[in-house]
Amino acid sequence: HRVGIVDHGEIIAIGTQPELTQMVGQHDTLILKVPGVTPSVLEALGSVPGVDKCLHQDGDDGEIRLLAAAGRSVLPDAIRIINEAHLSLNSVEVHEPTLEAVFLHLTGRALRD
């Protein structure tokens, strides 16, 4: 249940995966595809408790990226806001930080270096 990160034979971090990723400030990224998203919906999504940043890329697919420490916990509120605005949610992806990202952050090297 715990992971240790070893660099040159020395343990530099130990904990559960969520503890390690939180320690280095990694965020979950929720990618929502909402065509026709409005500025007011973007503002509402950015104000959901737990969302640190709301990014929107111009384009036909309406891609929105929400950065949150616990992405899955903000997802129900994000879906509710989109539904209340009578918009279509075409897809949802949740990208959680990986242990490789933690290792790279702590050591400055990729796993294969």
C-alpha atoms as a PDB file:
ATOM      1  CA  HIS A   1       0.000   0.000   0.000  1.00  0.00           C
ATOM      2  CA  ARG A   2       3.049   2.254   0.252  1.00  0.00           C
ATOM      3  CA  VAL A   3       5.619   3.115  -2.363  1.00  0.00           C
ATOM      4  CA  GLY A   4       9.228   4.069  -1.858  1.00  0.00           C
ATOM      5  CA  ILE A   5      11.175   6.122  -4.363  1.00  0.00           C
ATOM      6  CA  VAL A   6      14.861   5.247  -4.399  1.00  0.00           C
ATOM      7  CA  ASP A   7      17.528   7.369  -6.059  1.00  0.00           C
ATOM      8  CA  HIS A   8      21.142   6.148  -6.144  1.00  0.00           C
ATOM      9  CA  GLY A   9      20.392   3.602  -3.418  1.00  0.00           C
ATOM     10  CA  GLU A  10      18.815   6.145  -1.048  1.00  0.00           C
ATOM     11  CA  ILE A  11      15.094   6.348  -0.186  1.00  0.00           C
ATOM     12  CA  ILE A  12      14.063   9.900  -1.039  1.00  0.00           C
ATOM     13  CA  ALA A  13      10.297   9.553  -0.531  1.00  0.00           C
ATOM     14  CA  ILE A  14       7.853   7.011   0.848  1.00  0.00           C
ATOM     15  CA  GLY A  15       4.072   6.960   1.083  1.00  0.00           C
ATOM     16  CA  THR A  16       0.909   5.983  -0.761  1.00  0.00           C
ATOM     17  CA  GLN A  17       0.567   7.059  -4.375  1.00  0.00           C
ATOM     18  CA  PRO A  18      -1.901   9.863  -3.509  1.00  0.00           C
ATOM     19  CA  GLU A  19       0.417  11.105  -0.729  1.00  0.00           C
ATOM     20  CA  LEU A  20       3.409  11.185  -3.055  1.00  0.00           C
ATOM     21  CA  THR A  21       1.590  12.964  -5.857  1.00  0.00           C
ATOM     22  CA  GLN A  22       0.135  15.533  -3.432  1.00  0.00           C
ATOM     23  CA  MET A  23       3.589  16.091  -1.949  1.00  0.00           C
ATOM     24  CA  VAL A  24       4.943  17.360  -5.255  1.00  0.00           C
ATOM     25  CA  GLY A  25       1.858  19.385  -6.109  1.00  0.00           C
ATOM     26  CA  GLN A  26       0.588  17.287  -8.971  1.00  0.00           C
ATOM     27  CA  HIS A  27      -3.045  17.756  -9.996  1.00  0.00           C
ATOM     28  CA  ASP A  28      -5.610  15.552 -11.639  1.00  0.00           C
ATOM     29  CA  THR A  29      -6.701  16.866 -15.021  1.00  0.00           C
ATOM     30  CA  LEU A  30     -10.329  16.491 -16.097  1.00  0.00           C
ATOM     31  CA  ILE A  31     -10.834  16.926 -19.823  1.00  0.00           C
ATOM     32  CA  LEU A  32     -14.437  17.683 -20.707  1.00  0.00           C
ATOM     33  CA  LYS A  33     -15.715  18.076 -24.278  1.00  0.00           C
ATOM     34  CA  VAL A  34     -18.610  20.547 -24.184  1.00  0.00           C
ATOM     35  CA  PRO A  35     -19.455  22.118 -27.564  1.00  0.00           C
ATOM     36  CA  GLY A  36     -20.987  25.586 -27.308  1.00  0.00           C
ATOM     37  CA  VAL A  37     -19.697  26.241 -23.798  1.00  0.00           C
ATOM     38  CA  THR A  38     -20.386  29.788 -22.624  1.00  0.00           C
ATOM     39  CA  PRO A  39     -18.239  32.125 -20.526  1.00  0.00           C
ATOM     40  CA  SER A  40     -20.723  31.871 -17.652  1.00  0.00           C
ATOM     41  CA  VAL A  41     -20.421  28.057 -17.616  1.00  0.00           C
ATOM     42  CA  LEU A  42     -16.630  28.329 -17.666  1.00  0.00           C
ATOM     43  CA  GLU A  43     -16.807  30.741 -14.721  1.00  0.00           C
ATOM     44  CA  ALA A  44     -19.106  28.362 -12.822  1.00  0.00           C
ATOM     45  CA  LEU A  45     -16.793  25.401 -13.518  1.00  0.00           C
ATOM     46  CA  GLY A  46     -13.801  27.400 -12.310  1.00  0.00           C
ATOM     47  CA  SER A  47     -15.587  28.187  -9.043  1.00  0.00           C
ATOM     48  CA  VAL A  48     -16.396  24.557  -8.155  1.00  0.00           C
ATOM     49  CA  PRO A  49     -14.837  23.792  -4.756  1.00  0.00           C
ATOM     50  CA  GLY A  50     -11.616  21.877  -5.346  1.00  0.00           C
ATOM     51  CA  VAL A  51     -10.986  23.211  -8.867  1.00  0.00           C
ATOM     52  CA  ASP A  52      -7.696  25.090  -8.968  1.00  0.00           C
ATOM     53  CA  LYS A  53      -7.837  26.152 -12.593  1.00  0.00           C
ATOM     54  CA  CYS A  54     -10.274  26.046 -15.509  1.00  0.00           C
ATOM     55  CA  LEU A  55      -8.782  26.222 -19.008  1.00  0.00           C
ATOM     56  CA  HIS A  56     -10.706  26.429 -22.268  1.00  0.00           C
ATOM     57  CA  GLN A  57      -9.252  25.912 -25.719  1.00  0.00           C
ATOM     58  CA  ASP A  58     -11.053  27.543 -28.604  1.00  0.00           C
ATOM     59  CA  GLY A  59     -12.293  24.989 -31.070  1.00  0.00           C
ATOM     60  CA  ASP A  60     -15.345  23.129 -32.246  1.00  0.00           C
ATOM     61  CA  ASP A  61     -15.025  20.346 -29.671  1.00  0.00           C
ATOM     62  CA  GLY A  62     -15.298  22.740 -26.688  1.00  0.00           C
ATOM     63  CA  GLU A  63     -12.423  21.192 -24.754  1.00  0.00           C
ATOM     64  CA  ILE A  64     -12.286  22.297 -21.120  1.00  0.00           C
ATOM     65  CA  ARG A  65      -9.505  21.284 -18.731  1.00  0.00           C
ATOM     66  CA  LEU A  66     -10.119  21.410 -15.002  1.00  0.00           C
ATOM     67  CA  LEU A  67      -7.104  21.079 -12.715  1.00  0.00           C
ATOM     68  CA  ALA A  68      -7.952  19.754  -9.262  1.00  0.00           C
ATOM     69  CA  ALA A  69      -6.144  18.000  -6.442  1.00  0.00           C
ATOM     70  CA  ALA A  70      -8.931  15.369  -6.375  1.00  0.00           C
ATOM     71  CA  GLY A  71     -10.454  15.346  -9.852  1.00  0.00           C
ATOM     72  CA  ARG A  72     -13.029  12.639  -9.297  1.00  0.00           C
ATOM     73  CA  SER A  73     -14.560  14.563  -6.397  1.00  0.00           C
ATOM     74  CA  VAL A  74     -15.265  17.667  -8.517  1.00  0.00           C
ATOM     75  CA  LEU A  75     -16.718  15.714 -11.442  1.00  0.00           C
ATOM     76  CA  PRO A  76     -20.332  15.497 -10.135  1.00  0.00           C
ATOM     77  CA  ASP A  77     -20.533  19.289  -9.660  1.00  0.00           C
ATOM     78  CA  ALA A  78     -19.011  19.901 -13.107  1.00  0.00           C
ATOM     79  CA  ILE A  79     -21.555  17.584 -14.747  1.00  0.00           C
ATOM     80  CA  ARG A  80     -24.400  19.254 -12.838  1.00  0.00           C
ATOM     81  CA  ILE A  81     -23.322  22.720 -14.064  1.00  0.00           C
ATOM     82  CA  ILE A  82     -23.138  21.516 -17.669  1.00  0.00           C
ATOM     83  CA  ASN A  83     -26.542  19.817 -17.429  1.00  0.00           C
ATOM     84  CA  GLU A  84     -28.170  22.877 -15.847  1.00  0.00           C
ATOM     85  CA  ALA A  85     -26.873  24.973 -18.768  1.00  0.00           C
ATOM     86  CA  HIS A  86     -28.555  22.495 -21.180  1.00  0.00           C
ATOM     87  CA  LEU A  87     -25.239  21.743 -22.886  1.00  0.00           C
ATOM     88  CA  SER A  88     -24.045  18.394 -24.211  1.00  0.00           C
ATOM     89  CA  LEU A  89     -21.170  16.652 -22.489  1.00  0.00           C
ATOM     90  CA  ASN A  90     -19.589  14.641 -25.312  1.00  0.00           C
ATOM     91  CA  SER A  91     -16.780  13.036 -23.326  1.00  0.00           C
ATOM     92  CA  VAL A  92     -14.956  13.017 -20.004  1.00  0.00           C
ATOM     93  CA  GLU A  93     -11.388  11.938 -19.309  1.00  0.00           C
ATOM     94  CA  VAL A  94      -9.672  11.908 -15.930  1.00  0.00           C
ATOM     95  CA  HIS A  95      -5.883  11.942 -15.966  1.00  0.00           C
ATOM     96  CA  GLU A  96      -4.261  11.298 -12.612  1.00  0.00           C
ATOM     97  CA  PRO A  97      -0.601  12.065 -11.976  1.00  0.00           C
ATOM     98  CA  THR A  98       1.685   9.065 -12.265  1.00  0.00           C
ATOM     99  CA  LEU A  99       4.515   7.835 -10.082  1.00  0.00           C
ATOM    100  CA  GLU A 100       6.825   8.472 -13.020  1.00  0.00           C
ATOM    101  CA  ALA A 101       5.924  12.180 -12.832  1.00  0.00           C
ATOM    102  CA  VAL A 102       6.696  12.132  -9.100  1.00  0.00           C
ATOM    103  CA  PHE A 103      10.043  10.398  -9.706  1.00  0.00           C
ATOM    104  CA  LEU A 104      10.957  12.918 -12.393  1.00  0.00           C
ATOM    105  CA  HIS A 105      10.027  15.811 -10.115  1.00  0.00           C
ATOM    106  CA  LEU A 106      12.020  14.476  -7.154  1.00  0.00           C
ATOM    107  CA  THR A 107      15.141  13.333  -9.024  1.00  0.00           C
ATOM    108  CA  GLY A 108      15.171  15.446 -12.172  1.00  0.00           C
ATOM    109  CA  ARG A 109      15.609  12.272 -14.222  1.00  0.00           C
ATOM    110  CA  ALA A 110      13.287   9.930 -16.109  1.00  0.00           C
ATOM    111  CA  LEU A 111      13.021   6.326 -14.925  1.00  0.00           C
ATOM    112  CA  ARG A 112      15.369   5.067 -17.663  1.00  0.00           C
ATOM    113  CA  ASP A 113      18.150   7.663 -17.203  1.00  0.00           C
END
